[in-house]
N, C-alpha and C. Protein backbone atom coordinates (compact mmCIF):
# COMPACT_ATOMS: atom_id res chain seq x y z
N MET A 1 1.05 -0.95 -0.37
CA MET A 1 -0.27 0.03 -0.03
C MET A 1 0.63 0.97 0.05
N SER A 2 0.44 1.87 -0.84
CA SER A 2 1.36 3.22 -0.79
C SER A 2 0.74 4.11 0.25
N GLY A 3 1.92 5.44 0.58
CA GLY A 3 1.55 5.95 1.64
C GLY A 3 0.29 7.19 1.60
N GLN A 4 0.11 7.27 0.12
CA GLN A 4 -1.25 7.94 0.02
C GLN A 4 -2.51 6.94 0.56
N LYS A 5 -2.37 5.86 0.17
CA LYS A 5 -3.29 5.06 0.24
C LYS A 5 -4.02 4.71 1.80
N ILE A 6 -2.51 4.45 2.73
CA ILE A 6 -2.84 4.56 4.28
C ILE A 6 -3.14 5.32 5.01
N THR A 7 -2.64 6.81 4.19
CA THR A 7 -3.37 8.01 4.85
C THR A 7 -5.05 7.98 4.79
N LEU A 8 -5.35 7.57 3.56
CA LEU A 8 -6.89 7.50 3.08
C LEU A 8 -7.60 6.75 4.16
N PHE A 9 -6.95 5.43 4.22
CA PHE A 9 -7.56 4.28 4.89
C PHE A 9 -7.69 4.78 6.32
N PHE A 10 -6.86 5.19 7.36
CA PHE A 10 -6.72 5.76 8.33
C PHE A 10 -8.03 6.89 8.50
N ILE A 11 -7.76 8.00 7.59
CA ILE A 11 -9.10 8.86 7.64
C ILE A 11 -10.24 8.01 7.65
N SER A 12 -10.62 7.35 6.88
CA SER A 12 -11.60 6.47 6.76
C SER A 12 -12.48 5.96 8.00
N ILE A 13 -11.03 5.26 8.48
CA ILE A 13 -11.48 4.68 9.69
C ILE A 13 -11.94 5.60 11.25
N PHE A 14 -10.85 7.03 10.68
CA PHE A 14 -11.24 7.90 12.17
C PHE A 14 -12.98 8.69 11.41
N LEU A 15 -13.16 9.09 10.57
CA LEU A 15 -14.56 9.01 10.24
C LEU A 15 -15.63 8.28 10.65
N LEU A 16 -15.13 6.98 9.93
CA LEU A 16 -16.29 6.15 10.39
C LEU A 16 -16.74 6.00 12.12
N SER A 17 -15.40 5.71 12.84
CA SER A 17 -15.12 5.56 14.20
C SER A 17 -16.35 7.62 14.96
N THR A 18 -15.72 8.28 14.47
CA THR A 18 -16.34 9.32 14.99
C THR A 18 -17.94 9.65 14.63
N SER A 19 -18.31 9.07 13.41
CA SER A 19 -19.86 9.13 13.09
C SER A 19 -20.24 8.08 14.16
N ALA A 20 -19.84 7.17 14.34
CA ALA A 20 -20.49 6.13 15.19
C ALA A 20 -20.63 6.34 16.35
N GLN A 21 -19.42 7.48 17.11
CA GLN A 21 -19.44 7.89 18.50
C GLN A 21 -20.86 9.07 18.61
N ALA A 22 -20.75 9.54 17.41
CA ALA A 22 -22.05 10.80 17.44
C ALA A 22 -23.26 10.35 17.48
N ALA A 23 -23.58 9.07 16.63
CA ALA A 23 -24.78 8.23 16.75
C ALA A 23 -24.94 7.61 17.92
N ASN A 24 -24.09 7.09 18.76
CA ASN A 24 -24.35 6.38 20.15
C ASN A 24 -24.52 7.59 20.98
N ARG A 25 -23.91 8.85 21.00
CA ARG A 25 -24.19 9.54 21.73
C ARG A 25 -25.59 10.29 21.55
N GLU A 26 -26.26 10.50 20.65
CA GLU A 26 -27.23 11.43 20.13
C GLU A 26 -28.48 9.73 20.48
N ALA A 27 -28.16 8.60 20.57
CA ALA A 27 -29.23 7.54 21.02
C ALA A 27 -29.46 7.91 22.63
N LYS A 28 -28.24 8.08 23.11
CA LYS A 28 -28.13 8.09 24.52
C LYS A 28 -28.82 9.56 25.26
N GLU A 29 -28.71 10.23 24.34
CA GLU A 29 -29.40 11.63 24.74
C GLU A 29 -31.10 11.66 24.62
N ARG A 30 -30.99 10.67 23.73
CA ARG A 30 -32.77 10.84 23.18
C ARG A 30 -33.36 9.64 24.37
N ALA A 31 -32.10 8.74 24.81
CA ALA A 31 -32.76 7.65 25.75
C ALA A 31 -33.35 8.60 27.31
N ALA A 32 -32.40 9.48 27.32
CA ALA A 32 -31.95 10.20 28.81
C ALA A 32 -33.61 10.97 28.40
N LYS A 33 -33.46 11.65 27.15
CA LYS A 33 -34.81 12.69 27.47
C LYS A 33 -36.32 11.94 27.35
N ARG A 34 -36.37 10.68 26.88
CA ARG A 34 -37.32 10.09 27.09
C ARG A 34 -37.69 9.60 28.37
N ALA A 35 -36.63 8.80 29.17
CA ALA A 35 -36.86 8.86 30.26
C ALA A 35 -37.49 9.47 31.39
N CYS A 36 -36.52 10.94 31.08
CA CYS A 36 -37.22 12.12 31.92
C CYS A 36 -38.50 12.54 31.65
N LEU A 37 -38.50 12.65 30.35
CA LEU A 37 -40.17 13.00 30.06
C LEU A 37 -41.33 11.71 30.45
N ASN A 38 -41.26 10.70 30.70
CA ASN A 38 -41.65 9.70 31.20
C ASN A 38 -41.85 9.28 32.60
N GLY A 39 -41.25 10.27 33.15
CA GLY A 39 -40.89 10.11 34.87
C GLY A 39 -40.21 9.32 35.36
N ASP A 40 -39.05 8.96 34.84
CA ASP A 40 -38.37 8.15 35.30
C ASP A 40 -36.72 9.09 35.61
N PRO A 41 -36.95 9.71 36.57
CA PRO A 41 -35.84 10.87 36.57
C PRO A 41 -34.03 9.84 37.22
N THR A 42 -34.90 8.99 37.73
CA THR A 42 -33.31 8.13 37.87
C THR A 42 -32.73 7.50 36.64
N LYS A 43 -33.58 6.90 35.81
CA LYS A 43 -32.92 6.71 34.45
C LYS A 43 -32.11 7.64 34.07
N GLY A 44 -32.95 8.68 33.59
CA GLY A 44 -32.60 9.98 32.78
C GLY A 44 -31.01 10.55 33.43
N VAL A 45 -30.99 10.60 34.58
CA VAL A 45 -30.14 11.35 35.24
C VAL A 45 -29.08 10.14 35.16
N GLN A 46 -29.31 9.08 35.36
CA GLN A 46 -28.05 7.81 35.20
C GLN A 46 -27.50 7.90 33.67
N ILE A 47 -28.39 8.30 32.68
CA ILE A 47 -27.57 8.45 31.41
C ILE A 47 -27.01 9.73 31.20
N LEU A 48 -27.66 10.94 31.47
CA LEU A 48 -26.98 11.93 31.31
C LEU A 48 -25.61 12.05 32.18
N THR A 49 -25.46 11.33 33.12
CA THR A 49 -24.17 11.40 34.23
C THR A 49 -23.27 10.44 33.26
N ASP A 50 -23.65 9.49 32.84
CA ASP A 50 -22.51 8.81 32.10
C ASP A 50 -21.90 9.57 30.47
N LEU A 51 -23.08 10.38 29.89
CA LEU A 51 -22.79 11.24 28.90
C LEU A 51 -21.71 12.51 29.59
N TYR A 52 -21.90 12.84 30.63
CA TYR A 52 -21.11 13.99 31.25
C TYR A 52 -19.78 13.22 31.58
N ILE A 53 -19.48 12.12 32.02
CA ILE A 53 -18.17 11.53 32.60
C ILE A 53 -17.57 11.17 31.25
N GLY A 54 -18.22 10.81 30.16
CA GLY A 54 -17.63 10.62 28.56
C GLY A 54 -17.05 11.97 27.90
N SER A 55 -17.79 13.24 28.33
CA SER A 55 -17.78 14.33 27.61
C SER A 55 -17.05 15.61 28.43
N ASN A 56 -17.38 15.55 29.62
CA ASN A 56 -16.97 16.61 30.29
C ASN A 56 -17.93 18.04 29.93
N ASP A 57 -18.92 17.67 29.39
CA ASP A 57 -19.57 19.05 28.85
C ASP A 57 -20.56 19.11 29.91
N PRO A 58 -20.47 20.17 30.35
CA PRO A 58 -21.68 20.59 31.43
C PRO A 58 -23.18 21.10 31.39
N THR A 59 -23.25 20.56 30.39
CA THR A 59 -24.71 20.60 29.41
C THR A 59 -25.25 19.89 30.29
N TYR A 60 -24.70 18.64 30.36
CA TYR A 60 -25.11 17.65 30.91
C TYR A 60 -25.41 17.53 32.32
N ILE A 61 -25.46 18.12 33.01
CA ILE A 61 -25.43 18.52 34.39
C ILE A 61 -26.52 19.57 34.57
N PHE A 62 -26.82 20.43 33.91
CA PHE A 62 -27.90 21.16 33.57
C PHE A 62 -29.18 20.46 33.06
N ASN A 63 -29.14 19.34 32.31
CA ASN A 63 -29.81 18.93 31.79
C ASN A 63 -30.59 17.82 32.76
N GLN A 64 -29.33 17.31 33.94
CA GLN A 64 -29.73 16.42 34.98
C GLN A 64 -30.95 17.15 35.91
N GLY A 65 -30.34 18.56 36.27
CA GLY A 65 -31.56 19.62 36.97
C GLY A 65 -32.76 19.79 36.12
N ARG A 66 -32.87 20.08 34.75
CA ARG A 66 -34.07 20.19 34.19
C ARG A 66 -34.98 18.58 34.33
N CYS A 67 -34.01 17.23 34.04
CA CYS A 67 -35.05 16.28 34.43
C CYS A 67 -35.52 16.16 35.66
N PHE A 68 -34.58 16.54 37.03
CA PHE A 68 -35.30 16.30 38.15
C PHE A 68 -36.55 17.57 38.27
N GLU A 69 -36.29 18.63 37.79
CA GLU A 69 -37.49 19.54 37.95
C GLU A 69 -38.75 19.27 36.75
N GLN A 70 -38.57 18.55 35.77
CA GLN A 70 -39.76 18.09 34.98
C GLN A 70 -40.30 16.78 36.02
N ASN A 71 -39.84 16.58 36.79
CA ASN A 71 -40.37 15.29 37.71
C ASN A 71 -40.67 15.95 39.04
N ASN A 72 -40.78 16.92 39.12
CA ASN A 72 -41.09 17.82 40.42
C ASN A 72 -40.09 17.28 41.82
N GLN A 73 -39.01 17.02 41.65
CA GLN A 73 -37.74 16.86 42.42
C GLN A 73 -37.13 18.30 42.53
N TYR A 74 -37.39 19.39 43.02
CA TYR A 74 -37.11 20.14 42.94
C TYR A 74 -35.72 20.69 44.14
N GLU A 75 -35.47 19.71 45.30
CA GLU A 75 -34.12 19.80 45.84
C GLU A 75 -32.87 19.36 45.06
N GLU A 76 -33.41 18.04 44.27
CA GLU A 76 -32.52 17.77 43.65
C GLU A 76 -32.07 18.60 42.48
N ALA A 77 -32.90 19.01 41.75
CA ALA A 77 -32.80 19.90 40.75
C ALA A 77 -31.93 21.06 41.45
N ILE A 78 -32.12 21.58 42.19
CA ILE A 78 -31.35 22.70 42.74
C ILE A 78 -29.82 22.70 43.15
N GLY A 79 -29.78 21.31 43.58
CA GLY A 79 -28.17 20.99 43.43
C GLY A 79 -27.73 20.54 42.47
N ARG A 80 -28.36 20.39 41.29
CA ARG A 80 -27.39 19.88 40.08
C ARG A 80 -27.60 21.31 39.12
N PHE A 81 -28.28 22.46 39.37
CA PHE A 81 -28.21 23.92 38.97
C PHE A 81 -27.21 24.39 39.45
N ARG A 82 -26.63 24.18 40.79
CA ARG A 82 -25.76 24.63 41.37
C ARG A 82 -24.25 24.25 41.22
N GLU A 83 -24.29 22.66 40.90
CA GLU A 83 -22.97 22.28 40.35
C GLU A 83 -23.11 22.73 38.84
N TYR A 84 -24.00 23.09 37.80
CA TYR A 84 -23.56 23.34 36.70
C TYR A 84 -23.07 24.80 36.91
N LEU A 85 -23.33 25.71 37.53
CA LEU A 85 -22.77 26.87 37.73
C LEU A 85 -21.37 26.85 38.13
N ARG A 86 -21.07 26.02 39.05
CA ARG A 86 -19.79 25.78 39.56
C ARG A 86 -18.70 25.67 38.41
N LYS A 87 -19.40 24.48 37.39
CA LYS A 87 -18.65 24.04 36.80
C LYS A 87 -18.40 24.79 35.25
N VAL A 88 -19.56 25.84 34.89
CA VAL A 88 -19.25 26.67 33.98
C VAL A 88 -18.57 27.90 34.48
N THR A 89 -17.58 28.20 33.41
CA THR A 89 -16.58 29.53 34.01
C THR A 89 -16.97 30.86 33.51
N SER A 90 -17.40 30.53 32.13
CA SER A 90 -17.91 31.98 31.51
C SER A 90 -19.47 31.97 31.02
N LEU A 91 -19.99 32.19 31.79
CA LEU A 91 -21.95 31.98 31.12
C LEU A 91 -22.48 33.23 30.94
N PRO A 92 -23.12 33.56 30.04
CA PRO A 92 -23.85 35.12 29.81
C PRO A 92 -24.73 34.98 30.76
N GLY A 93 -25.26 36.40 31.45
CA GLY A 93 -25.93 36.51 32.17
C GLY A 93 -27.37 36.13 32.30
N ALA A 94 -27.77 35.75 30.94
CA ALA A 94 -29.47 35.17 30.92
C ALA A 94 -29.21 33.89 31.09
N ASP A 95 -28.11 33.27 30.66
CA ASP A 95 -27.87 31.70 30.73
C ASP A 95 -27.79 31.54 32.34
N LYS A 96 -27.12 32.21 32.68
CA LYS A 96 -26.60 32.52 34.27
C LYS A 96 -28.16 32.04 35.28
N ALA A 97 -28.64 33.29 34.94
CA ALA A 97 -30.28 33.47 35.60
C ALA A 97 -31.25 32.21 35.37
N ASP A 98 -30.96 31.79 34.10
CA ASP A 98 -32.05 30.52 33.83
C ASP A 98 -31.58 29.14 34.65
N ALA A 99 -30.39 29.32 35.25
CA ALA A 99 -29.72 28.33 35.97
C ALA A 99 -30.34 28.63 37.29
C-alpha cells in the first residue's frame, strides 16, 4: 500500500469511528430525554451522568437539573443547577439567571 492509500484508509476509519460515536451519543441523549419525560428521572439522570463523564460537557449537568425539575424533584434540581454553575466558567448573564 502506498503512503497516500494508508493515509486515506486511516482517515476513513477515523471518520467512521467519529460518526458511530456521534450516533451513539445522540441515541443516549434521546434515551435520557425519554426517561425524564416519562417520569423516570433516576434512569434519565444516570444516562446524563454517563454522557457527562464521557465528555465533561456541563450541559449534561444542567439537563440533569431539568430532568429533576420536570419530575417535581426540586431539591435535587437545585443541587444540579448549582453544580452546573460551578462547572461553567464563563456564562452569559441570561443563561446564569436561567440556571
